[in-house]
Amino acid sequence: MDLANIRGTTVNAMNNLLRWRDEHHMLPLLLIASIILMLAIAAAAIWSHGGIASIERFASAKMLDGAYSRVEPGQTTQTQLASLGFDPARLKARSLSGLGVQEYFMPRTSAAYDKLDPAIRACFDAPDRCTALVFPLGPAIEKGGFMAANAAPEDPGQIVFLLHNGRVAYKAMNS
């Protein structure tokens, strides 16, 4: 190869690059939009993992234990639960219907069914009169970080109140 061919190839390459740049005049705007989109995704990921704000819960474990101990099965109503601090809307509780109660409490064996609390078995017999409130004790703790594929969050525990005709029939705290 001689020097003239090399220079000609270089000039052709430069002309092609300049022509491509002139034909794609929106490229800088596309680059800026891509950067803004990446920053928005990063901010949403941080926000969704509770890095910025978390749900207001009980001020301390001692206050939670005190409120939980004041709930009396057979006596406490659903409105009294809210006045004790167990407000389903504020604490993002799951509300289970009669069928949901059966799915939640159904044991795997008949021997385990026989050991169930009588209040739970009564709800199996009359599911139309029973509901349950499941309060998470805290936000779920993610395992692995942002890019963990299919990693199930670790459950920090929950409080379950089984309501029969609007009154607490059973309570349990799993931590």
N, C-alpha and C. Protein backbone atom coordinates (compact mmCIF):
# COMPACT_ATOMS: atom_id res chain seq x y z
N MET A 1 0.83 -1.18 0.00
CA MET A 1 0.00 0.00 0.00
C MET A 1 0.88 1.24 0.00
N ASP A 2 0.46 2.17 -0.74
CA ASP A 2 1.22 3.40 -0.76
C ASP A 2 0.55 4.44 0.12
N LEU A 3 1.24 5.51 0.33
CA LEU A 3 0.79 6.57 1.22
C LEU A 3 -0.49 7.24 0.71
N ALA A 4 -0.67 7.34 -0.59
CA ALA A 4 -1.86 7.99 -1.16
C ALA A 4 -3.11 7.18 -0.86
N ASN A 5 -3.03 5.84 -0.92
CA ASN A 5 -4.18 5.01 -0.61
C ASN A 5 -4.58 5.12 0.86
N ILE A 6 -3.57 5.17 1.74
CA ILE A 6 -3.87 5.29 3.17
C ILE A 6 -4.54 6.61 3.45
N ARG A 7 -4.03 7.71 2.85
CA ARG A 7 -4.64 9.03 3.06
C ARG A 7 -6.06 9.06 2.49
N GLY A 8 -6.27 8.42 1.37
CA GLY A 8 -7.59 8.38 0.76
C GLY A 8 -8.59 7.63 1.62
N THR A 9 -8.15 6.54 2.22
CA THR A 9 -9.01 5.76 3.10
C THR A 9 -9.37 6.57 4.34
N THR A 10 -8.39 7.29 4.90
CA THR A 10 -8.61 8.11 6.09
C THR A 10 -9.59 9.23 5.77
N VAL A 11 -9.42 9.87 4.62
CA VAL A 11 -10.31 10.96 4.23
C VAL A 11 -11.73 10.43 4.03
N ASN A 12 -11.86 9.25 3.39
CA ASN A 12 -13.19 8.66 3.20
C ASN A 12 -13.85 8.33 4.54
N ALA A 13 -13.08 7.81 5.49
CA ALA A 13 -13.62 7.49 6.81
C ALA A 13 -14.08 8.74 7.52
N MET A 14 -13.30 9.80 7.45
CA MET A 14 -13.68 11.06 8.10
C MET A 14 -14.93 11.64 7.45
N ASN A 15 -15.01 11.57 6.14
CA ASN A 15 -16.19 12.06 5.44
C ASN A 15 -17.44 11.27 5.86
N ASN A 16 -17.29 9.96 5.99
CA ASN A 16 -18.42 9.12 6.42
C ASN A 16 -18.87 9.49 7.84
N LEU A 17 -17.92 9.72 8.75
CA LEU A 17 -18.27 10.12 10.12
C LEU A 17 -18.97 11.47 10.15
N LEU A 18 -18.44 12.43 9.38
CA LEU A 18 -19.06 13.75 9.34
C LEU A 18 -20.45 13.68 8.73
N ARG A 19 -20.64 12.88 7.71
CA ARG A 19 -21.93 12.73 7.07
C ARG A 19 -22.92 12.07 8.06
N TRP A 20 -22.46 11.06 8.80
CA TRP A 20 -23.32 10.38 9.78
C TRP A 20 -23.75 11.36 10.87
N ARG A 21 -22.79 12.20 11.35
CA ARG A 21 -23.12 13.17 12.39
C ARG A 21 -24.14 14.18 11.90
N ASP A 22 -23.99 14.63 10.66
CA ASP A 22 -24.92 15.60 10.10
C ASP A 22 -26.32 15.00 9.92
N GLU A 23 -26.39 13.71 9.62
CA GLU A 23 -27.68 13.06 9.42
C GLU A 23 -28.37 12.75 10.75
N HIS A 24 -27.63 12.68 11.83
CA HIS A 24 -28.18 12.36 13.15
C HIS A 24 -28.03 13.54 14.10
N HIS A 25 -28.64 14.64 13.77
CA HIS A 25 -28.50 15.86 14.56
C HIS A 25 -29.24 15.80 15.89
N MET A 26 -30.11 14.82 16.10
CA MET A 26 -30.85 14.67 17.36
C MET A 26 -30.09 13.82 18.38
N LEU A 27 -28.91 13.34 18.03
CA LEU A 27 -28.15 12.46 18.90
C LEU A 27 -27.84 13.08 20.28
N PRO A 28 -27.41 14.34 20.37
CA PRO A 28 -27.16 14.92 21.71
C PRO A 28 -28.41 14.94 22.59
N LEU A 29 -29.57 15.23 22.00
CA LEU A 29 -30.80 15.22 22.79
C LEU A 29 -31.14 13.81 23.27
N LEU A 30 -30.92 12.83 22.43
CA LEU A 30 -31.16 11.44 22.81
C LEU A 30 -30.24 11.02 23.96
N LEU A 31 -29.01 11.45 23.91
CA LEU A 31 -28.05 11.15 24.97
C LEU A 31 -28.48 11.79 26.29
N ILE A 32 -28.91 13.03 26.27
CA ILE A 32 -29.35 13.72 27.49
C ILE A 32 -30.60 13.04 28.04
N ALA A 33 -31.54 12.70 27.18
CA ALA A 33 -32.76 12.02 27.63
C ALA A 33 -32.43 10.66 28.25
N SER A 34 -31.46 9.95 27.69
CA SER A 34 -31.06 8.65 28.25
C SER A 34 -30.46 8.81 29.64
N ILE A 35 -29.65 9.83 29.83
CA ILE A 35 -29.03 10.06 31.15
C ILE A 35 -30.10 10.41 32.18
N ILE A 36 -31.05 11.26 31.80
CA ILE A 36 -32.14 11.63 32.72
C ILE A 36 -32.97 10.40 33.09
N LEU A 37 -33.26 9.55 32.12
CA LEU A 37 -34.02 8.34 32.39
C LEU A 37 -33.27 7.40 33.34
N MET A 38 -31.98 7.24 33.16
CA MET A 38 -31.18 6.39 34.05
C MET A 38 -31.19 6.95 35.48
N LEU A 39 -31.08 8.26 35.63
CA LEU A 39 -31.13 8.87 36.97
C LEU A 39 -32.50 8.67 37.62
N ALA A 40 -33.56 8.76 36.84
CA ALA A 40 -34.91 8.55 37.38
C ALA A 40 -35.09 7.10 37.83
N ILE A 41 -34.58 6.15 37.07
CA ILE A 41 -34.67 4.74 37.45
C ILE A 41 -33.89 4.48 38.73
N ALA A 42 -32.70 5.05 38.85
CA ALA A 42 -31.88 4.87 40.06
C ALA A 42 -32.60 5.47 41.28
N ALA A 43 -33.19 6.65 41.12
CA ALA A 43 -33.91 7.28 42.24
C ALA A 43 -35.12 6.44 42.64
N ALA A 44 -35.84 5.88 41.67
CA ALA A 44 -37.00 5.04 41.98
C ALA A 44 -36.58 3.77 42.70
N ALA A 45 -35.45 3.19 42.32
CA ALA A 45 -34.96 1.97 42.98
C ALA A 45 -34.58 2.27 44.43
N ILE A 46 -33.93 3.38 44.67
CA ILE A 46 -33.56 3.74 46.04
C ILE A 46 -34.81 4.00 46.86
N TRP A 47 -35.76 4.71 46.30
CA TRP A 47 -36.99 5.06 47.01
C TRP A 47 -37.81 3.81 47.34
N SER A 48 -37.89 2.87 46.39
CA SER A 48 -38.72 1.68 46.62
C SER A 48 -38.12 0.74 47.65
N HIS A 49 -36.83 0.81 47.89
CA HIS A 49 -36.21 -0.05 48.89
C HIS A 49 -36.18 0.59 50.26
N GLY A 50 -36.88 1.71 50.43
CA GLY A 50 -36.98 2.35 51.74
C GLY A 50 -35.74 3.14 52.12
N GLY A 51 -34.90 3.47 51.19
CA GLY A 51 -33.70 4.23 51.48
C GLY A 51 -33.98 5.66 51.84
N ILE A 52 -35.14 6.20 51.43
CA ILE A 52 -35.44 7.59 51.69
C ILE A 52 -36.49 7.74 52.78
N ALA A 53 -37.54 6.98 52.69
CA ALA A 53 -38.61 7.07 53.70
C ALA A 53 -39.20 5.69 53.94
N SER A 54 -39.62 5.44 55.16
CA SER A 54 -40.27 4.17 55.46
C SER A 54 -41.58 4.43 56.17
N ILE A 55 -42.41 3.43 56.27
CA ILE A 55 -43.73 3.55 56.88
C ILE A 55 -43.57 3.78 58.38
N GLU A 56 -44.34 4.70 58.89
CA GLU A 56 -44.30 4.97 60.33
C GLU A 56 -44.96 3.80 61.06
N ARG A 57 -44.24 3.21 61.97
CA ARG A 57 -44.75 2.08 62.74
C ARG A 57 -44.86 2.54 64.21
N PHE A 58 -44.96 1.60 65.10
CA PHE A 58 -44.98 1.94 66.52
C PHE A 58 -43.62 2.53 66.89
N ALA A 59 -43.62 3.43 67.85
CA ALA A 59 -42.37 4.13 68.20
C ALA A 59 -41.32 3.18 68.75
N SER A 60 -41.74 2.13 69.44
CA SER A 60 -40.77 1.19 69.99
C SER A 60 -41.41 -0.19 70.10
N ALA A 61 -40.57 -1.17 70.28
CA ALA A 61 -41.07 -2.54 70.46
C ALA A 61 -41.87 -2.66 71.75
N LYS A 62 -41.50 -1.87 72.74
CA LYS A 62 -42.21 -1.89 74.02
C LYS A 62 -43.65 -1.38 73.85
N MET A 63 -43.82 -0.33 73.04
CA MET A 63 -45.17 0.19 72.78
C MET A 63 -46.00 -0.82 71.99
N LEU A 64 -45.35 -1.49 71.06
CA LEU A 64 -46.04 -2.52 70.27
C LEU A 64 -46.50 -3.66 71.18
N ASP A 65 -45.61 -4.13 72.04
CA ASP A 65 -45.98 -5.21 72.96
C ASP A 65 -47.11 -4.80 73.89
N GLY A 66 -47.07 -3.53 74.34
CA GLY A 66 -48.13 -3.04 75.22
C GLY A 66 -49.48 -3.00 74.53
N ALA A 67 -49.50 -2.50 73.28
CA ALA A 67 -50.75 -2.44 72.53
C ALA A 67 -51.25 -3.85 72.22
N TYR A 68 -50.33 -4.75 71.87
CA TYR A 68 -50.72 -6.13 71.55
C TYR A 68 -51.29 -6.83 72.79
N SER A 69 -50.73 -6.58 73.96
CA SER A 69 -51.21 -7.24 75.18
C SER A 69 -52.58 -6.72 75.60
N ARG A 70 -52.95 -5.50 75.20
CA ARG A 70 -54.27 -4.95 75.54
C ARG A 70 -55.39 -5.51 74.65
N VAL A 71 -55.03 -6.20 73.57
CA VAL A 71 -56.05 -6.83 72.71
C VAL A 71 -56.50 -8.11 73.38
N GLU A 72 -57.79 -8.20 73.71
CA GLU A 72 -58.33 -9.38 74.38
C GLU A 72 -59.26 -10.13 73.44
N PRO A 73 -58.93 -11.37 73.11
CA PRO A 73 -59.83 -12.17 72.26
C PRO A 73 -61.21 -12.29 72.90
N GLY A 74 -62.24 -12.10 72.05
CA GLY A 74 -63.62 -12.16 72.53
C GLY A 74 -64.15 -10.82 73.00
N GLN A 75 -63.27 -9.86 73.27
CA GLN A 75 -63.69 -8.56 73.80
C GLN A 75 -63.40 -7.40 72.84
N THR A 76 -62.22 -7.36 72.29
CA THR A 76 -61.76 -6.22 71.48
C THR A 76 -62.44 -6.24 70.11
N THR A 77 -63.00 -5.08 69.71
CA THR A 77 -63.64 -4.96 68.40
C THR A 77 -62.63 -4.40 67.39
N GLN A 78 -63.02 -4.40 66.13
CA GLN A 78 -62.14 -3.90 65.09
C GLN A 78 -61.87 -2.41 65.26
N THR A 79 -62.86 -1.64 65.69
CA THR A 79 -62.65 -0.21 65.91
C THR A 79 -61.73 0.03 67.10
N GLN A 80 -61.81 -0.83 68.12
CA GLN A 80 -60.89 -0.71 69.25
C GLN A 80 -59.46 -1.06 68.84
N LEU A 81 -59.31 -1.97 67.88
CA LEU A 81 -57.97 -2.26 67.36
C LEU A 81 -57.33 -1.00 66.79
N ALA A 82 -58.10 -0.25 66.01
CA ALA A 82 -57.58 0.98 65.42
C ALA A 82 -57.21 2.00 66.50
N SER A 83 -58.02 2.08 67.55
CA SER A 83 -57.70 3.03 68.63
C SER A 83 -56.47 2.61 69.42
N LEU A 84 -56.14 1.30 69.41
CA LEU A 84 -54.93 0.83 70.07
C LEU A 84 -53.68 1.04 69.20
N GLY A 85 -53.88 1.45 67.97
CA GLY A 85 -52.75 1.70 67.08
C GLY A 85 -52.66 0.74 65.92
N PHE A 86 -53.52 -0.23 65.87
CA PHE A 86 -53.52 -1.20 64.78
C PHE A 86 -54.50 -0.74 63.69
N ASP A 87 -54.16 0.37 63.07
CA ASP A 87 -54.98 0.94 62.01
C ASP A 87 -54.58 0.29 60.68
N PRO A 88 -55.49 -0.45 60.05
CA PRO A 88 -55.14 -1.18 58.83
C PRO A 88 -54.65 -0.28 57.69
N ALA A 89 -55.23 0.92 57.55
CA ALA A 89 -54.82 1.80 56.46
C ALA A 89 -53.42 2.37 56.70
N ARG A 90 -53.15 2.82 57.89
CA ARG A 90 -51.86 3.45 58.19
C ARG A 90 -50.72 2.45 58.19
N LEU A 91 -50.97 1.26 58.68
CA LEU A 91 -49.90 0.26 58.78
C LEU A 91 -49.87 -0.70 57.60
N LYS A 92 -50.70 -0.44 56.60
CA LYS A 92 -50.74 -1.24 55.36
C LYS A 92 -50.96 -2.72 55.65
N ALA A 93 -52.01 -2.99 56.41
CA ALA A 93 -52.36 -4.37 56.75
C ALA A 93 -53.08 -5.02 55.58
N ARG A 94 -52.90 -6.33 55.47
CA ARG A 94 -53.68 -7.11 54.49
C ARG A 94 -54.96 -7.53 55.18
N SER A 95 -56.06 -7.40 54.48
CA SER A 95 -57.36 -7.83 54.99
C SER A 95 -57.75 -9.11 54.26
N LEU A 96 -58.03 -10.16 55.01
CA LEU A 96 -58.38 -11.44 54.42
C LEU A 96 -59.86 -11.72 54.60
N SER A 97 -60.50 -12.17 53.55
CA SER A 97 -61.91 -12.58 53.63
C SER A 97 -61.98 -13.97 54.24
N GLY A 98 -63.18 -14.52 54.32
CA GLY A 98 -63.35 -15.86 54.89
C GLY A 98 -62.54 -16.91 54.17
N LEU A 99 -62.54 -16.87 52.83
CA LEU A 99 -61.75 -17.82 52.06
C LEU A 99 -60.26 -17.58 52.26
N GLY A 100 -59.87 -16.31 52.34
CA GLY A 100 -58.46 -15.98 52.60
C GLY A 100 -58.01 -16.47 53.97
N VAL A 101 -58.91 -16.40 54.94
CA VAL A 101 -58.61 -16.92 56.28
C VAL A 101 -58.35 -18.42 56.21
N GLN A 102 -59.19 -19.13 55.47
CA GLN A 102 -59.00 -20.58 55.34
C GLN A 102 -57.67 -20.89 54.66
N GLU A 103 -57.33 -20.16 53.61
CA GLU A 103 -56.05 -20.38 52.93
C GLU A 103 -54.87 -20.07 53.84
N TYR A 104 -55.00 -19.00 54.63
CA TYR A 104 -53.90 -18.57 55.50
C TYR A 104 -53.63 -19.57 56.62
N PHE A 105 -54.69 -20.07 57.24
CA PHE A 105 -54.53 -20.91 58.43
C PHE A 105 -54.58 -22.41 58.15
N MET A 106 -54.89 -22.84 56.94
CA MET A 106 -55.06 -24.26 56.64
C MET A 106 -53.76 -25.03 56.85
N PRO A 107 -53.77 -25.99 57.77
CA PRO A 107 -52.56 -26.81 57.98
C PRO A 107 -52.43 -27.87 56.89
N ARG A 108 -51.26 -28.50 56.84
CA ARG A 108 -50.98 -29.49 55.80
C ARG A 108 -51.49 -30.89 56.16
N THR A 109 -51.67 -31.15 57.42
CA THR A 109 -52.09 -32.50 57.83
C THR A 109 -53.34 -32.41 58.71
N SER A 110 -54.05 -33.52 58.82
CA SER A 110 -55.25 -33.55 59.66
C SER A 110 -54.87 -33.49 61.14
N ALA A 111 -53.71 -34.02 61.48
CA ALA A 111 -53.26 -33.93 62.88
C ALA A 111 -53.01 -32.47 63.27
N ALA A 112 -52.44 -31.72 62.35
CA ALA A 112 -52.22 -30.30 62.63
C ALA A 112 -53.56 -29.55 62.68
N TYR A 113 -54.51 -29.96 61.88
CA TYR A 113 -55.84 -29.35 61.92
C TYR A 113 -56.49 -29.57 63.28
N ASP A 114 -56.34 -30.77 63.84
CA ASP A 114 -56.92 -31.07 65.14
C ASP A 114 -56.30 -30.22 66.25
N LYS A 115 -55.06 -29.75 66.05
CA LYS A 115 -54.37 -28.93 67.05
C LYS A 115 -54.64 -27.44 66.89
N LEU A 116 -55.39 -27.06 65.85
CA LEU A 116 -55.69 -25.64 65.63
C LEU A 116 -56.49 -25.07 66.79
N ASP A 117 -56.32 -23.79 67.01
CA ASP A 117 -57.10 -23.07 68.02
C ASP A 117 -58.59 -23.19 67.66
N PRO A 118 -59.45 -23.37 68.64
CA PRO A 118 -60.89 -23.50 68.36
C PRO A 118 -61.47 -22.30 67.62
N ALA A 119 -60.94 -21.11 67.84
CA ALA A 119 -61.45 -19.92 67.14
C ALA A 119 -61.16 -20.02 65.64
N ILE A 120 -60.03 -20.58 65.28
CA ILE A 120 -59.69 -20.74 63.86
C ILE A 120 -60.60 -21.79 63.23
N ARG A 121 -60.80 -22.90 63.93
CA ARG A 121 -61.69 -23.95 63.40
C ARG A 121 -63.13 -23.44 63.26
N ALA A 122 -63.56 -22.57 64.16
CA ALA A 122 -64.91 -22.00 64.07
C ALA A 122 -65.03 -21.16 62.80
N CYS A 123 -63.97 -20.50 62.42
CA CYS A 123 -64.01 -19.71 61.18
C CYS A 123 -64.01 -20.61 59.94
N PHE A 124 -63.46 -21.79 60.07
CA PHE A 124 -63.55 -22.74 58.95
C PHE A 124 -64.99 -23.19 58.75
N ASP A 125 -65.75 -23.28 59.85
CA ASP A 125 -67.15 -23.71 59.77
C ASP A 125 -68.07 -22.58 59.29
N ALA A 126 -67.72 -21.33 59.58
CA ALA A 126 -68.55 -20.19 59.19
C ALA A 126 -67.68 -19.10 58.56
N PRO A 127 -67.17 -19.32 57.35
CA PRO A 127 -66.25 -18.36 56.75
C PRO A 127 -66.88 -17.01 56.42
N ASP A 128 -68.20 -16.96 56.30
CA ASP A 128 -68.87 -15.69 55.99
C ASP A 128 -68.84 -14.72 57.17
N ARG A 129 -68.56 -15.20 58.36
CA ARG A 129 -68.53 -14.35 59.55
C ARG A 129 -67.13 -13.96 59.98
N CYS A 130 -66.11 -14.45 59.26
CA CYS A 130 -64.73 -14.24 59.69
C CYS A 130 -63.93 -13.42 58.68
N THR A 131 -63.06 -12.60 59.22
CA THR A 131 -62.05 -11.89 58.44
C THR A 131 -60.77 -11.92 59.27
N ALA A 132 -59.69 -11.53 58.65
CA ALA A 132 -58.44 -11.45 59.38
C ALA A 132 -57.68 -10.21 58.92
N LEU A 133 -56.92 -9.63 59.83
CA LEU A 133 -56.03 -8.52 59.53
C LEU A 133 -54.61 -8.98 59.79
N VAL A 134 -53.75 -8.83 58.79
CA VAL A 134 -52.35 -9.23 58.91
C VAL A 134 -51.50 -7.97 58.81
N PHE A 135 -50.86 -7.60 59.93
CA PHE A 135 -50.04 -6.40 60.00
C PHE A 135 -48.57 -6.79 59.89
N PRO A 136 -47.83 -6.23 58.93
CA PRO A 136 -46.39 -6.49 58.88
C PRO A 136 -45.69 -5.75 60.02
N LEU A 137 -44.69 -6.38 60.63
CA LEU A 137 -43.96 -5.72 61.72
C LEU A 137 -42.96 -4.70 61.20
N GLY A 138 -42.67 -4.73 59.94
CA GLY A 138 -41.76 -3.77 59.33
C GLY A 138 -41.73 -4.01 57.84
N PRO A 139 -41.04 -3.14 57.12
CA PRO A 139 -40.93 -3.38 55.68
C PRO A 139 -40.10 -4.63 55.41
N ALA A 140 -40.43 -5.33 54.34
CA ALA A 140 -39.68 -6.54 53.97
C ALA A 140 -38.24 -6.19 53.67
N ILE A 141 -37.32 -7.01 54.13
CA ILE A 141 -35.89 -6.78 53.94
C ILE A 141 -35.45 -7.53 52.69
N GLU A 142 -34.94 -6.77 51.70
CA GLU A 142 -34.52 -7.39 50.45
C GLU A 142 -33.19 -8.11 50.65
N LYS A 143 -33.06 -9.25 50.02
CA LYS A 143 -31.81 -10.01 50.05
C LYS A 143 -31.05 -9.76 48.76
N GLY A 144 -29.78 -9.50 48.83
CA GLY A 144 -28.94 -9.47 47.64
C GLY A 144 -28.74 -8.11 47.02
N GLY A 145 -29.64 -7.18 47.12
CA GLY A 145 -29.44 -5.88 46.53
C GLY A 145 -30.31 -5.64 45.31
N PHE A 146 -29.95 -4.62 44.57
CA PHE A 146 -30.77 -4.11 43.47
C PHE A 146 -30.94 -5.12 42.34
N MET A 147 -29.92 -5.84 41.98
CA MET A 147 -29.97 -6.71 40.81
C MET A 147 -30.14 -8.19 41.18
N ALA A 148 -30.53 -8.51 42.40
CA ALA A 148 -30.69 -9.91 42.80
C ALA A 148 -31.89 -10.50 42.06
N ALA A 149 -31.63 -11.51 41.26
CA ALA A 149 -32.70 -12.11 40.46
C ALA A 149 -33.56 -13.04 41.31
N ASN A 150 -34.85 -12.76 41.34
CA ASN A 150 -35.84 -13.61 42.01
C ASN A 150 -35.54 -13.86 43.48
N ALA A 151 -34.88 -12.94 44.14
CA ALA A 151 -34.59 -13.11 45.56
C ALA A 151 -35.83 -12.71 46.35
N ALA A 152 -36.33 -13.62 47.14
CA ALA A 152 -37.52 -13.34 47.96
C ALA A 152 -37.12 -12.47 49.15
N PRO A 153 -37.90 -11.44 49.45
CA PRO A 153 -37.58 -10.60 50.60
C PRO A 153 -37.76 -11.37 51.90
N GLU A 154 -36.93 -11.05 52.87
CA GLU A 154 -37.02 -11.69 54.18
C GLU A 154 -38.14 -11.02 54.97
N ASP A 155 -39.06 -11.82 55.48
CA ASP A 155 -40.21 -11.31 56.21
C ASP A 155 -39.79 -10.96 57.63
N PRO A 156 -39.97 -9.69 58.06
CA PRO A 156 -39.59 -9.31 59.41
C PRO A 156 -40.57 -9.78 60.48
N GLY A 157 -41.67 -10.39 60.09
CA GLY A 157 -42.67 -10.87 61.03
C GLY A 157 -43.99 -10.17 60.81
N GLN A 158 -45.01 -10.65 61.52
CA GLN A 158 -46.33 -10.08 61.35
C GLN A 158 -47.19 -10.34 62.57
N ILE A 159 -48.23 -9.54 62.69
CA ILE A 159 -49.24 -9.72 63.72
C ILE A 159 -50.54 -10.05 63.00
N VAL A 160 -51.22 -11.09 63.47
CA VAL A 160 -52.47 -11.54 62.85
C VAL A 160 -53.59 -11.44 63.87
N PHE A 161 -54.68 -10.79 63.46
CA PHE A 161 -55.89 -10.75 64.28
C PHE A 161 -57.00 -11.41 63.47
N LEU A 162 -57.59 -12.45 64.01
CA LEU A 162 -58.72 -13.14 63.39
C LEU A 162 -59.98 -12.56 64.01
N LEU A 163 -60.85 -12.02 63.17
CA LEU A 163 -62.07 -11.37 63.63
C LEU A 163 -63.28 -12.24 63.30
N HIS A 164 -64.07 -12.52 64.31
CA HIS A 164 -65.31 -13.29 64.14
C HIS A 164 -66.45 -12.38 64.54
N ASN A 165 -67.33 -12.07 63.59
CA ASN A 165 -68.44 -11.12 63.82
C ASN A 165 -67.94 -9.78 64.35
N GLY A 166 -66.80 -9.30 63.84
CA GLY A 166 -66.29 -7.99 64.19
C GLY A 166 -65.48 -7.92 65.47
N ARG A 167 -65.31 -9.04 66.18
CA ARG A 167 -64.52 -9.06 67.41
C ARG A 167 -63.30 -9.96 67.23
N VAL A 168 -62.22 -9.61 67.89
CA VAL A 168 -61.00 -10.41 67.80
C VAL A 168 -61.27 -11.76 68.45
N ALA A 169 -61.09 -12.83 67.69
CA ALA A 169 -61.30 -14.19 68.22
C ALA A 169 -59.96 -14.87 68.48
N TYR A 170 -58.92 -14.39 67.80
CA TYR A 170 -57.60 -15.04 67.91
C TYR A 170 -56.56 -13.99 67.54
N LYS A 171 -55.42 -14.05 68.20
CA LYS A 171 -54.32 -13.14 67.87
C LYS A 171 -53.01 -13.92 67.92
N ALA A 172 -52.10 -13.50 67.08
CA ALA A 172 -50.78 -14.15 67.04
C ALA A 172 -49.75 -13.15 66.54
N MET A 173 -48.54 -13.23 67.10
CA MET A 173 -47.42 -12.40 66.67
C MET A 173 -46.27 -13.32 66.26
N ASN A 174 -45.86 -13.24 65.01
CA ASN A 174 -44.74 -14.02 64.50
C ASN A 174 -43.61 -13.08 64.17
N SER A 175 -42.49 -13.23 64.82
CA SER A 175 -41.35 -12.36 64.51
C SER A 175 -40.14 -13.17 64.16
